[in-house]
Amino acid sequence: MKMILLVIFVPILVFMLPFGVEAARLTSSDFTYLGAFRTPISSGTMESVGTTEGYGSLSFRPDGNGGAGSLIIAGRNGVTEITIPTPGTSSNLNSLSVATVIQSTTDIATGGSLGSCDRLGSVAYVGQKGSVSPKLYWSCYIYYNVAGDDYSSLGWSEVTMSSPKAKGAWHIGPSSGGNWDSPYHGNKYGSYIIPIDQAWADQYTGGKSLLVGRYKEAGSAGGSMGPVLTAVGPWLDGNPPANGSNLSATPLMYFNSVSVHTGDTTWMEFRLTGDPNYTYYSAGDHWNGGAWVTVGTKKALVLVGRHGTYDGSNPCPWNGANGCNGAVGTNTPPYCYGEGGKDCPYGIAVTNYKGYHNGPYRGRFLFIDPDDLALVAQGQKDAHSVDAYAVYAPQADWQFDSTEGLNQIVGAAYDSTNHRFYVVQAMVEQPGGQNAPAWPLIHVYQVSDSGSGPGKPRPPQNLRLVNP
């Protein structure tokens, strides 16, 4: 009797990458407030930094101060490297520790060209990248630029500020060609520079591990109605790239310019999930910086700034160049344009300056999910559809108000070794009276993943069917 061998071919699922867990999202509950310290107001260098007008971008230098770590704070006209003293929680400002100056300059771009820029945006310390030695990367922008001119906005200098040997400025991506909605328009850049995890960048952005962007007021003239995040890596384009050249760039987050979208509701695309006052983009927002924050199994890109919380309630008729305009669900964002508190009713504005107003203004930390940015980089998500998944209002932690009630937060940095998050509150200390410059305060948070669960499941990737 013959034996019949029955062979059944069963498809088998093969995973090219192990099924596992990816990092969970950070939340404000992972941040513990440690206190604050003062900037060196006894030194004239801080005035040159331009913090009198709310400037104060921040960067952490891990090898600074003899290996103890230092902070680099920058503003309109200059850059200062300072020590990091122990933060305190005293309600007496004079009792807080004061940082000391390590090095300072009022001209980080000497030898380079700011081109048509008239403002220094920020400075970020970046360590060795391939054959490119550690540098101070700087950005610049045109403050007014209502004509919407395109321009170059990024460069680098040596870490020794007394001999900067600056190179640049370079344009982010190709020319916008006059398209104000282009992700590469100059008015979308020139402010914050955020170093990110190199391994993440190697996986998703071709190694480009600097995020650059700018929030131009109201998103006008080529600006964006929401934060901008584009990945660049100048060291990948030359050592150095030629002055004025176009850097390779990967847009990860940007929105349309209000100037060409006054007849639609695209201003409602960016959302601040969970904001206690107003969950939409605001024409009075100022997003001024941020940091890539990772600890344990958690990660987030944390942007900092102020949020305009006027929600369109009690709108008043448009009155020439002044008055209130818009409400949720309309084509025009809620704002008031005019002489601040003089012409804008209902407490919308809290300053006496012209421009778009959406007060009362509140300081905010915005939490952006790097996994969303990864999806954009892979073409699986639209760069216009990235939202802040969580919002934190830090003023409840702080003992002191800014001198003009603007609640400006103007910079942030992260020490990934000691898991400390630094943030600059602008215009706090005004020792010489109302007509004197006001210097910033630096607040410190400890970041922990102690409250994290197992993380969210990572879906299988590179799935294919094979027959045995």
Protein backbone atom coordinates (compact mmCIF):
# COMPACT_ATOMS: atom_id res chain seq x y z
CA MET A 1 0.00 0.00 0.00
CA LYS A 2 1.43 3.31 -1.01
CA MET A 3 1.74 6.07 1.53
CA ILE A 4 0.58 9.46 0.33
CA LEU A 5 2.48 12.39 1.72
CA LEU A 6 0.34 15.43 1.90
CA VAL A 7 2.30 18.64 1.97
CA ILE A 8 0.44 21.83 2.74
CA PHE A 9 2.06 25.15 1.96
CA VAL A 10 1.02 27.69 4.53
CA PRO A 11 1.88 31.33 4.09
CA ILE A 12 4.05 32.60 6.91
CA LEU A 13 4.26 36.17 8.05
CA VAL A 14 7.85 37.32 8.28
CA PHE A 15 8.74 40.53 10.11
CA MET A 16 11.88 42.17 8.90
CA LEU A 17 11.93 44.31 12.08
CA PRO A 18 10.98 42.93 15.51
CA PHE A 19 7.51 43.74 16.79
CA GLY A 20 8.08 45.86 19.84
CA VAL A 21 7.38 49.10 21.65
CA GLU A 22 8.20 52.59 20.52
CA ALA A 23 8.74 55.55 22.80
CA ALA A 24 5.68 57.01 24.49
CA ARG A 25 4.75 60.66 24.48
CA LEU A 26 6.06 62.99 27.14
CA THR A 27 3.50 65.04 29.03
CA SER A 28 3.71 67.93 31.45
CA SER A 29 3.44 65.45 34.34
CA ASP A 30 6.96 64.32 33.43
CA PHE A 31 8.30 67.83 34.15
CA THR A 32 9.13 68.81 37.75
CA TYR A 33 9.91 72.45 38.45
CA LEU A 34 13.25 72.97 40.22
CA GLY A 35 13.41 76.76 40.31
CA ALA A 36 15.12 79.60 38.49
CA PHE A 37 18.35 81.58 38.31
CA ARG A 38 19.20 85.06 37.15
CA THR A 39 21.17 86.15 34.13
CA PRO A 40 24.30 88.29 34.77
CA ILE A 41 22.68 91.72 34.84
CA SER A 42 25.80 93.32 36.31
CA SER A 43 27.49 92.75 32.97
CA GLY A 44 26.82 94.95 29.96
CA THR A 45 26.92 91.84 27.79
CA MET A 46 23.35 90.91 28.59
CA GLU A 47 22.04 94.22 27.30
CA SER A 48 23.86 93.63 24.03
CA VAL A 49 22.15 90.27 23.77
CA GLY A 50 18.95 92.18 23.17
CA THR A 51 16.91 90.59 25.94
CA THR A 52 15.49 94.05 26.63
CA GLU A 53 13.05 93.38 23.79
CA GLY A 54 12.13 89.84 24.70
CA TYR A 55 14.90 88.06 22.85
CA GLY A 56 16.76 85.20 24.47
CA SER A 57 17.16 82.04 22.39
CA LEU A 58 18.86 79.29 24.36
CA SER A 59 21.20 76.39 23.61
CA PHE A 60 22.87 73.83 25.86
CA ARG A 61 26.59 73.14 25.39
CA PRO A 62 27.48 69.81 27.05
CA ASP A 63 31.26 70.39 26.99
CA GLY A 64 31.00 74.01 28.14
CA ASN A 65 32.38 75.40 31.40
CA GLY A 66 35.12 72.80 31.59
CA GLY A 67 32.74 69.91 31.01
CA ALA A 68 30.15 71.00 33.58
CA GLY A 69 27.86 72.24 30.81
CA SER A 70 26.89 75.78 29.88
CA LEU A 71 24.11 77.73 28.21
CA ILE A 72 24.37 79.99 25.19
CA ILE A 73 21.82 82.79 25.15
CA ALA A 74 21.35 85.02 22.12
CA GLY A 75 19.26 87.94 20.96
CA ARG A 76 19.04 90.67 18.38
CA ASN A 77 22.62 91.88 18.57
CA GLY A 78 24.78 89.40 20.40
CA VAL A 79 25.55 86.08 22.04
CA THR A 80 26.69 85.19 25.55
CA GLU A 81 27.80 81.87 27.03
CA ILE A 82 26.98 81.55 30.73
CA THR A 83 27.40 79.12 33.58
CA ILE A 84 24.49 77.16 35.05
CA PRO A 85 24.10 77.90 38.76
CA THR A 86 21.84 75.98 41.14
CA PRO A 87 18.22 77.05 40.63
CA GLY A 88 16.18 78.34 43.55
CA THR A 89 12.51 78.84 44.37
CA SER A 90 12.73 81.94 46.54
CA SER A 91 10.06 84.60 46.07
CA ASN A 92 12.84 87.16 46.58
CA LEU A 93 14.46 87.75 43.21
CA ASN A 94 17.69 88.93 44.83
CA SER A 95 18.03 85.59 46.60
CA LEU A 96 18.34 83.62 43.37
CA SER A 97 21.74 82.55 42.08
CA VAL A 98 23.27 84.54 39.24
CA ALA A 99 25.00 83.00 36.23
CA THR A 100 28.44 84.26 35.21
CA VAL A 101 29.71 85.10 31.74
CA ILE A 102 32.11 82.64 30.08
CA GLN A 103 32.42 84.38 26.70
CA SER A 104 30.48 87.02 24.85
CA THR A 105 30.26 88.78 21.50
CA THR A 106 28.08 91.32 19.79
CA ASP A 107 28.91 90.11 16.29
CA ILE A 108 28.73 86.34 15.90
CA ALA A 109 28.53 86.68 12.11
CA THR A 110 31.75 88.68 11.60
CA GLY A 111 33.34 87.53 8.36
CA GLY A 112 30.09 86.10 7.04
CA SER A 113 27.12 87.88 5.56
CA LEU A 114 23.68 88.33 7.03
CA GLY A 115 22.59 89.30 3.55
CA SER A 116 19.33 91.21 3.72
CA CYS A 117 18.67 90.15 7.33
CA ASP A 118 18.43 92.82 10.01
CA ARG A 119 17.99 90.57 13.05
CA LEU A 120 20.00 87.77 14.59
CA GLY A 121 17.47 85.05 15.36
CA SER A 122 19.18 82.44 17.51
CA VAL A 123 22.39 80.52 18.07
CA ALA A 124 22.70 76.77 18.70
CA TYR A 125 25.74 74.77 19.73
CA VAL A 126 26.20 71.61 17.64
CA GLY A 127 28.96 69.09 18.21
CA GLN A 128 31.12 67.32 15.62
CA LYS A 129 29.22 66.28 12.50
CA GLY A 130 31.32 64.13 10.20
CA SER A 131 34.36 66.17 9.20
CA VAL A 132 32.79 69.40 10.45
CA SER A 133 34.07 70.44 13.88
CA PRO A 134 31.72 71.74 16.61
CA LYS A 135 30.09 75.01 15.56
CA LEU A 136 27.74 77.72 16.68
CA TYR A 137 24.93 77.68 14.13
CA TRP A 138 23.16 81.02 13.84
CA SER A 139 20.00 82.18 12.13
CA CYS A 140 18.84 85.59 10.93
CA TYR A 141 15.72 87.15 9.53
CA ILE A 142 14.14 90.36 8.22
CA TYR A 143 11.95 91.74 10.97
CA TYR A 144 9.37 93.67 8.96
CA ASN A 145 9.46 92.27 5.40
CA VAL A 146 5.81 92.87 4.57
CA ALA A 147 6.87 92.69 0.93
CA GLY A 148 7.47 88.98 1.43
CA ASP A 149 10.99 88.95 0.02
CA ASP A 150 12.75 85.58 0.07
CA TYR A 151 16.16 85.45 1.79
CA SER A 152 18.92 83.25 3.21
CA SER A 153 18.78 82.67 6.95
CA LEU A 154 21.33 80.15 8.34
CA GLY A 155 25.08 80.12 8.92
CA TRP A 156 27.75 78.85 11.29
CA SER A 157 30.64 80.27 13.29
CA GLU A 158 33.45 78.86 15.36
CA VAL A 159 32.78 78.10 19.01
CA THR A 160 35.43 80.60 20.10
CA MET A 161 33.37 83.77 19.92
CA SER A 162 36.36 86.11 19.74
CA SER A 163 37.25 84.55 16.39
CA PRO A 164 33.94 83.49 14.84
CA LYS A 165 35.07 83.05 11.20
CA ALA A 166 31.43 82.95 10.16
CA LYS A 167 30.18 81.19 7.04
CA GLY A 168 26.80 81.74 5.40
CA ALA A 169 24.09 82.78 5.13
CA TRP A 170 22.44 79.83 3.35
CA HIS A 171 18.92 79.47 2.06
CA ILE A 172 16.66 76.75 3.48
CA GLY A 173 15.81 74.54 0.53
CA PRO A 174 15.30 75.84 -3.01
CA SER A 175 14.04 79.30 -3.81
CA SER A 176 10.35 79.79 -3.10
CA GLY A 177 9.89 81.31 -6.53
CA GLY A 178 7.61 83.98 -5.12
CA ASN A 179 5.17 81.40 -3.73
CA TRP A 180 4.23 82.59 -0.23
CA ASP A 181 2.81 79.17 0.65
CA SER A 182 6.09 77.46 -0.24
CA PRO A 183 7.68 75.53 2.67
CA TYR A 184 10.98 77.18 1.69
CA HIS A 185 9.97 80.86 1.80
CA GLY A 186 12.44 82.96 3.78
CA ASN A 187 9.76 84.38 6.09
CA LYS A 188 9.29 80.87 7.49
CA TYR A 189 12.90 80.84 8.76
CA GLY A 190 15.54 82.74 10.64
CA SER A 191 14.40 82.24 14.23
CA TYR A 192 14.80 79.01 16.22
CA ILE A 193 17.37 76.26 15.64
CA ILE A 194 16.67 72.97 17.42
CA PRO A 195 19.25 70.14 17.41
CA ILE A 196 17.53 66.74 17.38
CA ASP A 197 18.52 63.12 17.92
CA GLN A 198 20.99 62.08 15.22
CA ALA A 199 19.81 58.46 15.13
CA TRP A 200 16.24 59.63 14.50
CA ALA A 201 17.49 61.96 11.78
CA ASP A 202 19.53 59.19 10.17
CA GLN A 203 16.38 57.08 9.97
CA TYR A 204 13.89 59.67 8.76
CA THR A 205 15.54 62.80 7.31
CA GLY A 206 18.71 61.50 5.67
CA GLY A 207 20.87 62.63 8.59
CA LYS A 208 19.61 66.21 8.68
CA SER A 209 19.46 66.80 12.45
CA LEU A 210 18.76 70.51 12.85
CA LEU A 211 15.18 71.74 12.89
CA VAL A 212 14.82 75.35 11.77
CA GLY A 213 11.84 77.65 11.52
CA ARG A 214 10.20 80.89 12.48
CA TYR A 215 6.78 82.01 13.51
CA LYS A 216 6.31 85.37 11.78
CA GLU A 217 3.56 87.44 13.38
CA ALA A 218 0.15 86.54 11.95
CA GLY A 219 1.79 84.19 9.43
CA SER A 220 1.89 87.03 6.93
CA ALA A 221 3.79 87.60 3.67
CA GLY A 222 5.15 84.08 3.28
CA GLY A 223 5.03 83.23 6.98
CA SER A 224 3.10 80.32 8.45
CA MET A 225 -0.18 80.18 10.37
CA GLY A 226 1.44 77.89 12.91
CA PRO A 227 4.97 76.74 13.82
CA VAL A 228 7.46 75.71 11.14
CA LEU A 229 9.83 72.74 11.47
CA THR A 230 12.19 71.85 8.61
CA ALA A 231 15.18 69.51 8.93
CA VAL A 232 18.57 70.61 7.56
CA GLY A 233 22.16 69.43 7.93
CA PRO A 234 24.56 72.03 6.50
CA TRP A 235 27.53 69.69 7.05
CA LEU A 236 25.95 67.40 4.45
CA ASP A 237 26.13 70.18 1.84
CA GLY A 238 29.78 71.19 2.23
CA ASN A 239 32.46 72.17 4.69
CA PRO A 240 31.29 74.88 4.49
CA PRO A 241 28.50 75.22 1.91
CA ALA A 242 29.06 78.17 -0.40
CA ASN A 243 27.63 81.46 0.86
CA GLY A 244 24.12 81.97 -0.49
CA SER A 245 23.70 78.33 -1.52
CA ASN A 246 20.50 76.33 -1.09
CA LEU A 247 20.67 73.73 1.67
CA SER A 248 18.98 70.35 1.23
CA ALA A 249 15.91 70.42 3.43
CA THR A 250 13.06 68.19 4.58
CA PRO A 251 9.88 70.08 5.60
CA LEU A 252 8.17 68.37 8.54
CA MET A 253 5.65 70.96 9.70
CA TYR A 254 4.41 74.22 8.17
CA PHE A 255 1.19 75.99 7.29
CA ASN A 256 -0.10 78.45 4.71
CA SER A 257 0.50 82.18 4.72
CA VAL A 258 -2.51 84.21 5.82
CA SER A 259 -1.73 86.82 3.15
CA VAL A 260 -2.98 84.52 0.37
CA HIS A 261 -5.64 82.73 2.41
CA THR A 262 -7.95 85.47 3.64
CA GLY A 263 -10.94 83.77 1.98
CA ASP A 264 -10.72 80.29 3.50
CA THR A 265 -10.39 78.61 6.88
CA THR A 266 -6.89 77.14 6.57
CA TRP A 267 -5.96 79.35 9.53
CA MET A 268 -7.77 76.72 11.63
CA GLU A 269 -5.42 73.88 10.67
CA PHE A 270 -2.97 74.14 13.57
CA ARG A 271 -4.49 73.11 16.89
CA LEU A 272 -3.25 73.31 20.48
CA THR A 273 -4.93 70.25 21.93
CA GLY A 274 -6.09 70.80 25.49
CA ASP A 275 -5.24 74.48 25.70
CA PRO A 276 -7.31 75.87 28.59
CA ASN A 277 -8.10 79.14 26.79
CA TYR A 278 -8.00 78.77 23.02
CA THR A 279 -7.15 75.69 20.96
CA TYR A 280 -6.50 77.35 17.58
CA TYR A 281 -3.57 79.15 16.04
CA SER A 282 -3.55 82.83 16.95
CA ALA A 283 -2.26 85.73 14.89
CA GLY A 284 -0.65 87.03 18.10
CA ASP A 285 1.28 83.84 18.84
CA HIS A 286 5.06 84.00 19.22
CA TRP A 287 6.72 80.55 19.04
CA ASN A 288 10.33 81.33 19.79
CA GLY A 289 12.26 78.12 20.33
CA GLY A 290 12.20 74.60 21.66
CA ALA A 291 14.09 71.43 22.41
CA TRP A 292 14.07 67.76 21.48
CA VAL A 293 13.41 66.06 24.82
CA THR A 294 13.96 62.34 25.43
CA VAL A 295 14.10 60.41 28.69
CA GLY A 296 13.75 56.67 29.17
CA THR A 297 10.99 55.46 26.87
CA LYS A 298 9.48 58.90 26.30
CA LYS A 299 10.12 61.67 23.82
CA ALA A 300 8.67 64.94 22.54
CA LEU A 301 9.60 68.04 20.63
CA VAL A 302 8.70 70.85 23.04
CA LEU A 303 8.14 74.31 21.52
CA VAL A 304 7.92 77.36 23.78
CA GLY A 305 6.43 80.82 23.39
CA ARG A 306 3.33 82.82 24.05
CA HIS A 307 -0.21 82.12 22.91
CA GLY A 308 -2.83 84.74 22.10
CA THR A 309 -6.04 83.61 23.74
CA TYR A 310 -8.65 85.93 22.20
CA ASP A 311 -11.22 83.47 20.84
CA GLY A 312 -13.39 85.73 18.71
CA SER A 313 -15.99 86.38 21.37
CA ASN A 314 -17.56 89.86 21.53
CA PRO A 315 -16.35 90.74 18.01
CA CYS A 316 -16.67 94.37 17.04
CA PRO A 317 -17.29 95.78 13.54
CA TRP A 318 -14.25 96.31 11.37
CA ASN A 319 -13.30 99.98 11.56
CA GLY A 320 -10.78 100.89 8.90
CA ALA A 321 -7.32 99.94 10.08
CA ASN A 322 -8.50 99.14 13.60
CA GLY A 323 -11.07 97.01 15.30
CA CYS A 324 -11.76 93.32 15.88
CA ASN A 325 -12.10 90.75 13.16
CA GLY A 326 -13.08 87.14 12.83
CA ALA A 327 -14.32 84.33 15.04
CA VAL A 328 -14.05 80.55 15.15
CA GLY A 329 -15.66 79.13 12.01
CA THR A 330 -15.16 82.24 9.90
CA ASN A 331 -12.67 82.83 7.13
CA THR A 332 -10.63 85.35 9.12
CA PRO A 333 -8.65 84.58 12.28
CA PRO A 334 -9.75 86.42 15.43
CA TYR A 335 -7.52 89.42 15.98
CA CYS A 336 -7.47 93.14 16.54
CA TYR A 337 -5.15 95.39 14.57
CA GLY A 338 -4.39 98.78 16.04
CA GLU A 339 -2.96 100.69 18.96
CA GLY A 340 -3.17 97.91 21.46
CA GLY A 341 -5.36 98.58 24.49
CA LYS A 342 -6.35 101.98 23.12
CA ASP A 343 -8.24 100.71 20.09
CA CYS A 344 -8.89 97.05 20.87
CA PRO A 345 -11.80 96.48 23.25
CA TYR A 346 -12.60 93.57 25.57
CA GLY A 347 -9.05 93.35 26.91
CA ILE A 348 -7.85 91.81 23.67
CA ALA A 349 -4.51 93.62 23.63
CA VAL A 350 -2.23 94.27 26.56
CA THR A 351 0.38 96.49 24.91
CA ASN A 352 0.42 99.90 23.26
CA TYR A 353 2.12 98.69 20.08
CA LYS A 354 0.55 98.48 16.64
CA GLY A 355 0.20 95.12 14.95
CA TYR A 356 -1.96 92.02 15.28
CA HIS A 357 -3.20 91.51 18.83
CA ASN A 358 -4.89 88.51 20.41
CA GLY A 359 -4.37 89.00 24.12
CA PRO A 360 -4.55 88.22 26.90
CA TYR A 361 -1.26 86.43 26.21
CA ARG A 362 -0.25 83.26 28.03
CA GLY A 363 3.04 81.40 28.14
CA ARG A 364 2.89 77.90 26.73
CA PHE A 365 4.90 74.72 26.19
CA LEU A 366 3.64 72.87 23.08
CA PHE A 367 4.25 69.11 22.85
CA ILE A 368 4.79 67.81 19.30
CA ASP A 369 5.04 64.06 18.67
CA PRO A 370 8.24 63.09 16.79
CA ASP A 371 6.32 60.09 15.42
CA ASP A 372 4.04 62.53 13.58
CA LEU A 373 7.10 64.24 12.13
CA ALA A 374 8.46 60.84 11.08
CA LEU A 375 5.22 60.12 9.22
CA VAL A 376 5.54 63.44 7.38
CA ALA A 377 9.13 62.63 6.44
CA GLN A 378 7.96 59.28 5.02
CA GLY A 379 5.16 60.86 3.02
CA GLN A 380 2.43 59.27 5.16
CA LYS A 381 1.17 62.48 6.79
CA ASP A 382 0.65 66.03 5.55
CA ALA A 383 2.94 68.68 7.05
CA HIS A 384 -0.18 70.87 7.45
CA SER A 385 -1.83 68.30 9.73
CA VAL A 386 0.64 68.15 12.63
CA ASP A 387 -0.86 69.45 15.87
CA ALA A 388 0.38 69.98 19.41
CA TYR A 389 -0.92 66.90 21.22
CA ALA A 390 -0.65 68.61 24.62
CA VAL A 391 -0.12 72.09 26.07
CA TYR A 392 1.32 73.23 29.39
CA ALA A 393 0.89 76.66 31.02
CA PRO A 394 4.08 77.13 33.08
CA GLN A 395 3.25 80.45 34.75
CA ALA A 396 1.72 78.63 37.71
CA ASP A 397 5.22 77.36 38.54
CA TRP A 398 6.87 80.78 38.42
CA GLN A 399 7.20 83.40 41.11
CA PHE A 400 7.66 86.44 38.87
CA ASP A 401 5.77 88.20 36.09
CA SER A 402 7.30 89.87 33.06
CA THR A 403 7.44 93.65 33.22
CA GLU A 404 4.87 94.27 30.46
CA GLY A 405 2.47 91.37 30.99
CA LEU A 406 3.35 89.81 27.64
CA ASN A 407 4.21 86.44 29.18
CA GLN A 408 6.97 85.98 26.62
CA ILE A 409 8.89 82.71 26.69
CA VAL A 410 11.75 83.19 24.30
CA GLY A 411 13.98 80.13 24.33
CA ALA A 412 14.49 76.57 25.55
CA ALA A 413 17.28 74.02 25.74
CA TYR A 414 17.71 70.45 26.99
CA ASP A 415 20.53 68.65 28.78
CA SER A 416 19.98 65.06 27.63
CA THR A 417 22.49 63.64 30.14
CA ASN A 418 21.04 65.15 33.30
CA HIS A 419 17.53 65.44 31.81
CA ARG A 420 17.11 69.10 32.59
CA PHE A 421 14.92 71.41 30.54
CA TYR A 422 15.84 75.11 30.56
CA VAL A 423 13.45 77.86 29.50
CA VAL A 424 13.86 81.64 29.27
CA GLN A 425 11.17 83.95 30.65
CA ALA A 426 11.75 87.36 29.07
CA MET A 427 11.75 90.82 30.62
CA VAL A 428 11.48 89.86 34.28
CA GLU A 429 14.16 91.83 36.09
CA GLN A 430 14.22 95.59 35.70
CA PRO A 431 16.67 96.87 38.31
CA GLY A 432 16.90 100.43 37.01
CA GLY A 433 13.22 101.27 36.91
CA GLN A 434 10.65 101.47 34.15
CA ASN A 435 12.96 103.04 31.58
CA ALA A 436 15.79 100.59 32.17
CA PRO A 437 16.42 97.36 30.27
CA ALA A 438 14.65 94.26 31.56
CA TRP A 439 16.64 91.04 31.74
CA PRO A 440 15.34 87.48 31.53
CA LEU A 441 15.09 84.74 34.12
CA ILE A 442 15.99 81.13 33.32
CA HIS A 443 13.74 78.41 34.74
CA VAL A 444 14.77 74.79 35.20
CA TYR A 445 12.70 71.59 35.03
CA GLN A 446 13.73 68.02 35.78
CA VAL A 447 12.35 65.59 33.20
CA SER A 448 11.53 62.02 34.21
CA ASP A 449 9.76 59.03 32.68
CA SER A 450 8.87 57.58 36.07
CA GLY A 451 5.19 57.87 35.29
CA SER A 452 5.44 56.14 31.92
CA GLY A 453 3.74 52.93 31.07
CA PRO A 454 5.06 50.33 28.66
CA GLY A 455 4.79 52.68 25.71
CA LYS A 456 2.56 52.34 22.69
CA PRO A 457 2.79 49.26 20.45
CA ARG A 458 4.93 49.62 17.37
CA PRO A 459 3.18 48.19 14.32
CA PRO A 460 5.09 45.58 12.30
CA GLN A 461 7.10 47.04 9.44
CA ASN A 462 8.36 45.60 6.13
CA LEU A 463 5.72 42.87 6.26
CA ARG A 464 5.80 40.32 3.43
CA LEU A 465 4.35 36.90 2.56
CA VAL A 466 6.61 33.97 1.76
CA ASN A 467 6.02 30.26 1.13
CA PRO A 468 8.22 27.72 2.93
